[in-house]
């Protein structure tokens, strides 16, 4: 998505937000460790949609590795073991 300069985006790490990948009011109640990202310029940013990134809130491509190894569920979220 293209972000707007000066705008703060709050990324949800639990994946249960109604506005995923962004946090909603329920995230705090669920104990979600949300990550704030403030855009400094208008540019395209890829926010993580699988929740497995090691570079939150940005996508680091982990979803590809999970899918190849059969660890990605049908909802594009990592399988819980």
PDB file of N, CA and C in Angstrom:
ATOM      1  N   UNK A   1       0.838  -1.174   0.000  1.00  0.00           N
ATOM      2  CA  UNK A   1       0.000   0.000   0.000  1.00  0.00           C
ATOM      3  C   UNK A   1       0.882   1.236   0.000  1.00  0.00           C
ATOM      4  N   UNK A   2       0.365   2.326  -0.494  1.00  0.00           N
ATOM      5  CA  UNK A   2       1.107   3.585  -0.474  1.00  0.00           C
ATOM      6  C   UNK A   2       0.761   4.301   0.831  1.00  0.00           C
ATOM      7  N   UNK A   3       1.790   4.574   1.626  1.00  0.00           N
ATOM      8  CA  UNK A   3       1.590   5.241   2.911  1.00  0.00           C
ATOM      9  C   UNK A   3       1.689   6.750   2.739  1.00  0.00           C
ATOM     10  N   UNK A   4       1.053   7.456   3.652  1.00  0.00           N
ATOM     11  CA  UNK A   4       1.030   8.918   3.627  1.00  0.00           C
ATOM     12  C   UNK A   4       2.047   9.463   4.622  1.00  0.00           C
ATOM     13  N   UNK A   5       2.862  10.439   4.225  1.00  0.00           N
ATOM     14  CA  UNK A   5       3.853  10.992   5.144  1.00  0.00           C
ATOM     15  C   UNK A   5       3.202  11.586   6.393  1.00  0.00           C
ATOM     16  N   UNK A   6       3.822  11.299   7.543  1.00  0.00           N
ATOM     17  CA  UNK A   6       3.327  11.804   8.818  1.00  0.00           C
ATOM     18  C   UNK A   6       2.219  10.971   9.431  1.00  0.00           C
ATOM     19  N   UNK A   7       1.763   9.947   8.722  1.00  0.00           N
ATOM     20  CA  UNK A   7       0.696   9.085   9.232  1.00  0.00           C
ATOM     21  C   UNK A   7       1.306   7.905   9.970  1.00  0.00           C
ATOM     22  N   UNK A   8       0.744   7.578  11.135  1.00  0.00           N
ATOM     23  CA  UNK A   8       1.195   6.423  11.903  1.00  0.00           C
ATOM     24  C   UNK A   8       0.238   5.269  11.658  1.00  0.00           C
ATOM     25  N   UNK A   9       0.795   4.129  11.293  1.00  0.00           N
ATOM     26  CA  UNK A   9       0.043   2.903  11.057  1.00  0.00           C
ATOM     27  C   UNK A   9       0.389   1.947  12.193  1.00  0.00           C
ATOM     28  N   UNK A  10      -0.602   1.258  12.731  1.00  0.00           N
ATOM     29  CA  UNK A  10      -0.365   0.324  13.831  1.00  0.00           C
ATOM     30  C   UNK A  10      -0.644  -1.079  13.311  1.00  0.00           C
ATOM     31  N   UNK A  11       0.428  -1.879  13.212  1.00  0.00           N
ATOM     32  CA  UNK A  11       0.360  -3.239  12.668  1.00  0.00           C
ATOM     33  C   UNK A  11       0.013  -4.216  13.782  1.00  0.00           C
ATOM     34  N   UNK A  12      -0.912  -5.105  13.511  1.00  0.00           N
ATOM     35  CA  UNK A  12      -1.384  -6.116  14.460  1.00  0.00           C
ATOM     36  C   UNK A  12      -0.541  -7.380  14.321  1.00  0.00           C
ATOM     37  N   UNK A  13      -0.013  -7.884  15.439  1.00  0.00           N
ATOM     38  CA  UNK A  13       0.792  -9.109  15.379  1.00  0.00           C
ATOM     39  C   UNK A  13      -0.019 -10.367  15.664  1.00  0.00           C
ATOM     40  N   UNK A  14      -1.226 -10.227  16.201  1.00  0.00           N
ATOM     41  CA  UNK A  14      -1.997 -11.424  16.558  1.00  0.00           C
ATOM     42  C   UNK A  14      -2.827 -11.956  15.390  1.00  0.00           C
ATOM     43  N   UNK A  15      -3.097 -11.125  14.393  1.00  0.00           N
ATOM     44  CA  UNK A  15      -3.848 -11.564  13.225  1.00  0.00           C
ATOM     45  C   UNK A  15      -5.347 -11.642  13.423  1.00  0.00           C
ATOM     46  N   UNK A  16      -5.840 -11.224  14.564  1.00  0.00           N
ATOM     47  CA  UNK A  16      -7.272 -11.335  14.847  1.00  0.00           C
ATOM     48  C   UNK A  16      -8.019 -10.017  14.705  1.00  0.00           C
ATOM     49  N   UNK A  17      -7.343  -9.000  14.245  1.00  0.00           N
ATOM     50  CA  UNK A  17      -7.965  -7.691  14.061  1.00  0.00           C
ATOM     51  C   UNK A  17      -8.970  -7.735  12.915  1.00  0.00           C
ATOM     52  N   UNK A  18     -10.067  -7.035  13.074  1.00  0.00           N
ATOM     53  CA  UNK A  18     -11.054  -6.933  12.000  1.00  0.00           C
ATOM     54  C   UNK A  18     -10.508  -6.116  10.836  1.00  0.00           C
ATOM     55  N   UNK A  19      -9.452  -5.351  11.081  1.00  0.00           N
ATOM     56  CA  UNK A  19      -8.840  -4.490  10.067  1.00  0.00           C
ATOM     57  C   UNK A  19      -7.429  -4.977   9.722  1.00  0.00           C
ATOM     58  N   UNK A  20      -7.174  -6.297   9.898  1.00  0.00           N
ATOM     59  CA  UNK A  20      -5.844  -6.863   9.677  1.00  0.00           C
ATOM     60  C   UNK A  20      -5.332  -6.505   8.288  1.00  0.00           C
ATOM     61  N   UNK A  21      -4.075  -6.101   8.126  1.00  0.00           N
ATOM     62  CA  UNK A  21      -2.981  -6.243   9.073  1.00  0.00           C
ATOM     63  C   UNK A  21      -2.851  -5.111  10.086  1.00  0.00           C
ATOM     64  N   UNK A  22      -3.833  -4.237  10.133  1.00  0.00           N
ATOM     65  CA  UNK A  22      -3.751  -3.132  11.080  1.00  0.00           C
ATOM     66  C   UNK A  22      -4.539  -3.447  12.335  1.00  0.00           C
ATOM     67  N   UNK A  23      -4.112  -2.870  13.441  1.00  0.00           N
ATOM     68  CA  UNK A  23      -4.724  -3.122  14.741  1.00  0.00           C
ATOM     69  C   UNK A  23      -6.111  -2.500  14.835  1.00  0.00           C
ATOM     70  N   UNK A  24      -6.945  -3.110  15.669  1.00  0.00           N
ATOM     71  CA  UNK A  24      -8.241  -2.528  16.000  1.00  0.00           C
ATOM     72  C   UNK A  24      -8.319  -2.407  17.523  1.00  0.00           C
ATOM     73  N   UNK A  25      -9.448  -1.992  18.040  1.00  0.00           N
ATOM     74  CA  UNK A  25      -9.580  -1.788  19.482  1.00  0.00           C
ATOM     75  C   UNK A  25      -9.448  -3.076  20.286  1.00  0.00           C
ATOM     76  N   UNK A  26      -9.699  -4.224  19.682  1.00  0.00           N
ATOM     77  CA  UNK A  26      -9.609  -5.493  20.396  1.00  0.00           C
ATOM     78  C   UNK A  26      -8.193  -5.996  20.586  1.00  0.00           C
ATOM     79  N   UNK A  27      -7.243  -5.472  19.835  1.00  0.00           N
ATOM     80  CA  UNK A  27      -5.861  -5.954  19.929  1.00  0.00           C
ATOM     81  C   UNK A  27      -5.296  -5.783  21.334  1.00  0.00           C
ATOM     82  N   UNK A  28      -5.502  -4.630  21.927  1.00  0.00           N
ATOM     83  CA  UNK A  28      -4.980  -4.379  23.270  1.00  0.00           C
ATOM     84  C   UNK A  28      -5.600  -5.351  24.267  1.00  0.00           C
ATOM     85  N   UNK A  29      -6.896  -5.594  24.161  1.00  0.00           N
ATOM     86  CA  UNK A  29      -7.590  -6.516  25.063  1.00  0.00           C
ATOM     87  C   UNK A  29      -7.071  -7.942  24.906  1.00  0.00           C
ATOM     88  N   UNK A  30      -6.646  -8.304  23.694  1.00  0.00           N
ATOM     89  CA  UNK A  30      -6.115  -9.647  23.439  1.00  0.00           C
ATOM     90  C   UNK A  30      -4.644  -9.763  23.815  1.00  0.00           C
ATOM     91  N   UNK A  31      -4.016  -8.659  24.196  1.00  0.00           N
ATOM     92  CA  UNK A  31      -2.599  -8.684  24.551  1.00  0.00           C
ATOM     93  C   UNK A  31      -1.685  -8.689  23.340  1.00  0.00           C
ATOM     94  N   UNK A  32      -2.196  -8.261  22.210  1.00  0.00           N
ATOM     95  CA  UNK A  32      -1.423  -8.213  20.971  1.00  0.00           C
ATOM     96  C   UNK A  32      -0.273  -7.212  21.105  1.00  0.00           C
ATOM     97  N   UNK A  33       0.905  -7.615  20.664  1.00  0.00           N
ATOM     98  CA  UNK A  33       2.064  -6.723  20.674  1.00  0.00           C
ATOM     99  C   UNK A  33       2.123  -6.008  19.327  1.00  0.00           C
ATOM    100  N   UNK A  34       1.392  -4.930  19.236  1.00  0.00           N
ATOM    101  CA  UNK A  34       1.296  -4.175  17.993  1.00  0.00           C
ATOM    102  C   UNK A  34       2.553  -3.335  17.775  1.00  0.00           C
ATOM    103  N   UNK A  35       2.837  -3.046  16.518  1.00  0.00           N
ATOM    104  CA  UNK A  35       4.017  -2.272  16.145  1.00  0.00           C
ATOM    105  C   UNK A  35       3.578  -1.027  15.393  1.00  0.00           C
ATOM    106  N   UNK A  36       4.072   0.127  15.839  1.00  0.00           N
ATOM    107  CA  UNK A  36       3.751   1.382  15.158  1.00  0.00           C
ATOM    108  C   UNK A  36       4.770   1.664  14.058  1.00  0.00           C
ATOM    109  N   UNK A  37       4.272   2.185  12.959  1.00  0.00           N
ATOM    110  CA  UNK A  37       5.116   2.596  11.844  1.00  0.00           C
ATOM    111  C   UNK A  37       4.641   3.971  11.406  1.00  0.00           C
ATOM    112  N   UNK A  38       5.529   4.958  11.466  1.00  0.00           N
ATOM    113  CA  UNK A  38       5.191   6.307  11.019  1.00  0.00           C
ATOM    114  C   UNK A  38       5.905   6.579   9.705  1.00  0.00           C
ATOM    115  N   UNK A  39       5.125   6.859   8.687  1.00  0.00           N
ATOM    116  CA  UNK A  39       5.682   7.116   7.357  1.00  0.00           C
ATOM    117  C   UNK A  39       6.358   8.481   7.321  1.00  0.00           C
ATOM    118  N   UNK A  40       7.541   8.512   6.745  1.00  0.00           N
ATOM    119  CA  UNK A  40       8.270   9.772   6.603  1.00  0.00           C
ATOM    120  C   UNK A  40       8.116  10.349   5.199  1.00  0.00           C
ATOM    121  N   UNK A  41       7.635   9.504   4.277  1.00  0.00           N
ATOM    122  CA  UNK A  41       7.422   9.943   2.901  1.00  0.00           C
ATOM    123  C   UNK A  41       6.330   9.084   2.279  1.00  0.00           C
ATOM    124  N   UNK A  42       5.752   9.563   1.204  1.00  0.00           N
ATOM    125  CA  UNK A  42       4.762   8.778   0.469  1.00  0.00           C
ATOM    126  C   UNK A  42       5.526   7.731  -0.337  1.00  0.00           C
ATOM    127  N   UNK A  43       5.287   6.470  -0.031  1.00  0.00           N
ATOM    128  CA  UNK A  43       5.949   5.380  -0.751  1.00  0.00           C
ATOM    129  C   UNK A  43       5.168   4.096  -0.534  1.00  0.00           C
ATOM    130  N   UNK A  44       5.451   3.102  -1.368  1.00  0.00           N
ATOM    131  CA  UNK A  44       4.792   1.816  -1.222  1.00  0.00           C
ATOM    132  C   UNK A  44       5.479   1.020  -0.123  1.00  0.00           C
ATOM    133  N   UNK A  45       4.682   0.490   0.789  1.00  0.00           N
ATOM    134  CA  UNK A  45       5.180  -0.311   1.901  1.00  0.00           C
ATOM    135  C   UNK A  45       4.411  -1.624   1.901  1.00  0.00           C
ATOM    136  N   UNK A  46       5.110  -2.713   2.120  1.00  0.00           N
ATOM    137  CA  UNK A  46       4.472  -4.023   2.201  1.00  0.00           C
ATOM    138  C   UNK A  46       4.423  -4.439   3.663  1.00  0.00           C
ATOM    139  N   UNK A  47       3.220  -4.375   4.250  1.00  0.00           N
ATOM    140  CA  UNK A  47       3.028  -4.796   5.629  1.00  0.00           C
ATOM    141  C   UNK A  47       2.826  -6.308   5.651  1.00  0.00           C
ATOM    142  N   UNK A  48       3.367  -6.971   6.671  1.00  0.00           N
ATOM    143  CA  UNK A  48       3.256  -8.423   6.806  1.00  0.00           C
ATOM    144  C   UNK A  48       1.799  -8.833   6.957  1.00  0.00           C
ATOM    145  N   UNK A  49       1.406  -9.848   6.207  1.00  0.00           N
ATOM    146  CA  UNK A  49       0.050 -10.369   6.293  1.00  0.00           C
ATOM    147  C   UNK A  49      -0.015 -11.760   6.885  1.00  0.00           C
ATOM    148  N   UNK A  50       1.141 -12.413   7.087  1.00  0.00           N
ATOM    149  CA  UNK A  50       1.122 -13.771   7.638  1.00  0.00           C
ATOM    150  C   UNK A  50       1.436 -13.792   9.127  1.00  0.00           C
ATOM    151  N   UNK A  51       2.042 -12.735   9.637  1.00  0.00           N
ATOM    152  CA  UNK A  51       2.360 -12.663  11.061  1.00  0.00           C
ATOM    153  C   UNK A  51       3.662 -13.322  11.450  1.00  0.00           C
ATOM    154  N   UNK A  52       4.398 -13.874  10.500  1.00  0.00           N
ATOM    155  CA  UNK A  52       5.628 -14.594  10.814  1.00  0.00           C
ATOM    156  C   UNK A  52       6.891 -13.777  10.541  1.00  0.00           C
ATOM    157  N   UNK A  53       6.746 -12.531  10.147  1.00  0.00           N
ATOM    158  CA  UNK A  53       7.902 -11.700   9.815  1.00  0.00           C
ATOM    159  C   UNK A  53       8.841 -11.514  10.999  1.00  0.00           C
ATOM    160  N   UNK A  54      10.101 -11.384  10.702  1.00  0.00           N
ATOM    161  CA  UNK A  54      11.094 -11.050  11.721  1.00  0.00           C
ATOM    162  C   UNK A  54      11.472  -9.570  11.600  1.00  0.00           C
ATOM    163  N   UNK A  55      10.766  -8.847  10.715  1.00  0.00           N
ATOM    164  CA  UNK A  55      11.030  -7.427  10.469  1.00  0.00           C
ATOM    165  C   UNK A  55       9.730  -6.626  10.588  1.00  0.00           C
ATOM    166  N   UNK A  56       8.983  -6.885  11.663  1.00  0.00           N
ATOM    167  CA  UNK A  56       7.678  -6.234  11.855  1.00  0.00           C
ATOM    168  C   UNK A  56       7.808  -4.720  11.802  1.00  0.00           C
ATOM    169  N   UNK A  57       6.893  -4.068  11.149  1.00  0.00           N
ATOM    170  CA  UNK A  57       5.650  -4.556  10.548  1.00  0.00           C
ATOM    171  C   UNK A  57       5.783  -4.922   9.074  1.00  0.00           C
ATOM    172  N   UNK A  58       6.998  -4.949   8.572  1.00  0.00           N
ATOM    173  CA  UNK A  58       7.218  -5.163   7.138  1.00  0.00           C
ATOM    174  C   UNK A  58       7.235  -6.644   6.760  1.00  0.00           C
ATOM    175  N   UNK A  59       6.809  -6.933   5.555  1.00  0.00           N
ATOM    176  CA  UNK A  59       6.893  -8.278   5.001  1.00  0.00           C
ATOM    177  C   UNK A  59       8.359  -8.591   4.720  1.00  0.00           C
ATOM    178  N   UNK A  60       8.813  -9.759   5.184  1.00  0.00           N
ATOM    179  CA  UNK A  60      10.186 -10.173   4.900  1.00  0.00           C
ATOM    180  C   UNK A  60      10.226 -11.429   4.025  1.00  0.00           C
ATOM    181  N   UNK A  61       9.064 -11.822   3.483  1.00  0.00           N
ATOM    182  CA  UNK A  61       9.002 -12.981   2.597  1.00  0.00           C
ATOM    183  C   UNK A  61       8.869 -14.313   3.312  1.00  0.00           C
ATOM    184  N   UNK A  62       8.717 -14.310   4.627  1.00  0.00           N
ATOM    185  CA  UNK A  62       8.617 -15.556   5.386  1.00  0.00           C
ATOM    186  C   UNK A  62       7.440 -16.409   4.914  1.00  0.00           C
ATOM    187  N   UNK A  63       6.373 -15.777   4.424  1.00  0.00           N
ATOM    188  CA  UNK A  63       5.210 -16.529   3.951  1.00  0.00           C
ATOM    189  C   UNK A  63       5.583 -17.495   2.831  1.00  0.00           C
ATOM    190  N   UNK A  64       6.554 -17.127   2.006  1.00  0.00           N
ATOM    191  CA  UNK A  64       6.985 -18.007   0.912  1.00  0.00           C
ATOM    192  C   UNK A  64       7.642 -19.261   1.464  1.00  0.00           C
ATOM    193  N   UNK A  65       8.511 -19.097   2.457  1.00  0.00           N
ATOM    194  CA  UNK A  65       9.188 -20.247   3.071  1.00  0.00           C
ATOM    195  C   UNK A  65       8.175 -21.151   3.773  1.00  0.00           C
ATOM    196  N   UNK A  66       7.229 -20.562   4.471  1.00  0.00           N
ATOM    197  CA  UNK A  66       6.218 -21.350   5.168  1.00  0.00           C
ATOM    198  C   UNK A  66       5.367 -22.142   4.189  1.00  0.00           C
ATOM    199  N   UNK A  67       5.011 -21.525   3.070  1.00  0.00           N
ATOM    200  CA  UNK A  67       4.179 -22.202   2.073  1.00  0.00           C
ATOM    201  C   UNK A  67       4.940 -23.369   1.440  1.00  0.00           C
ATOM    202  N   UNK A  68       6.200 -23.148   1.078  1.00  0.00           N
ATOM    203  CA  UNK A  68       7.022 -24.193   0.459  1.00  0.00           C
ATOM    204  C   UNK A  68       7.181 -25.383   1.402  1.00  0.00           C
ATOM    205  N   UNK A  69       7.303 -25.115   2.693  1.00  0.00           N
ATOM    206  CA  UNK A  69       7.513 -26.178   3.675  1.00  0.00           C
ATOM    207  C   UNK A  69       6.212 -26.739   4.242  1.00  0.00           C
ATOM    208  N   UNK A  70       5.071 -26.355   3.670  1.00  0.00           N
ATOM    209  CA  UNK A  70       3.789 -26.874   4.121  1.00  0.00           C
ATOM    210  C   UNK A  70       3.364 -26.375   5.488  1.00  0.00           C
ATOM    211  N   UNK A  71       3.889 -25.229   5.887  1.00  0.00           N
ATOM    212  CA  UNK A  71       3.575 -24.696   7.214  1.00  0.00           C
ATOM    213  C   UNK A  71       2.592 -23.532   7.175  1.00  0.00           C
ATOM    214  N   UNK A  72       2.050 -23.244   5.986  1.00  0.00           N
ATOM    215  CA  UNK A  72       1.100 -22.143   5.837  1.00  0.00           C
ATOM    216  C   UNK A  72      -0.295 -22.732   5.722  1.00  0.00           C
ATOM    217  N   UNK A  73      -1.218 -22.225   6.513  1.00  0.00           N
ATOM    218  CA  UNK A  73      -2.591 -22.710   6.485  1.00  0.00           C
ATOM    219  C   UNK A  73      -3.376 -22.145   5.318  1.00  0.00           C
ATOM    220  N   UNK A  74      -4.598 -22.632   5.117  1.00  0.00           N
ATOM    221  CA  UNK A  74      -5.429 -22.166   4.006  1.00  0.00           C
ATOM    222  C   UNK A  74      -5.837 -20.700   4.134  1.00  0.00           C
ATOM    223  N   UNK A  75      -5.716 -20.148   5.347  1.00  0.00           N
ATOM    224  CA  UNK A  75      -6.063 -18.743   5.565  1.00  0.00           C
ATOM    225  C   UNK A  75      -4.845 -17.833   5.432  1.00  0.00           C
ATOM    226  N   UNK A  76      -3.746 -18.376   4.873  1.00  0.00           N
ATOM    227  CA  UNK A  76      -2.487 -17.635   4.701  1.00  0.00           C
ATOM    228  C   UNK A  76      -1.889 -17.178   6.021  1.00  0.00           C
ATOM    229  N   UNK A  77      -2.110 -17.949   7.068  1.00  0.00           N
ATOM    230  CA  UNK A  77      -1.509 -17.713   8.376  1.00  0.00           C
ATOM    231  C   UNK A  77      -0.668 -18.946   8.700  1.00  0.00           C
ATOM    232  N   UNK A  78       0.455 -18.770   9.412  1.00  0.00           N
ATOM    233  CA  UNK A  78       1.271 -19.927   9.775  1.00  0.00           C
ATOM    234  C   UNK A  78       0.464 -20.929  10.596  1.00  0.00           C
ATOM    235  N   UNK A  79       0.697 -22.210  10.344  1.00  0.00           N
ATOM    236  CA  UNK A  79       0.028 -23.252  11.113  1.00  0.00           C
ATOM    237  C   UNK A  79       0.603 -23.291  12.521  1.00  0.00           C
ATOM    238  N   UNK A  80      -0.262 -23.452  13.507  1.00  0.00           N
ATOM    239  CA  UNK A  80       0.180 -23.579  14.904  1.00  0.00           C
ATOM    240  C   UNK A  80       0.484 -25.046  15.157  1.00  0.00           C
ATOM    241  N   UNK A  81       1.575 -25.308  15.811  1.00  0.00           N
ATOM    242  CA  UNK A  81       1.934 -26.699  16.127  1.00  0.00           C
ATOM    243  C   UNK A  81       1.847 -26.940  17.594  1.00  0.00           C
TER     244      UNK A  81
END
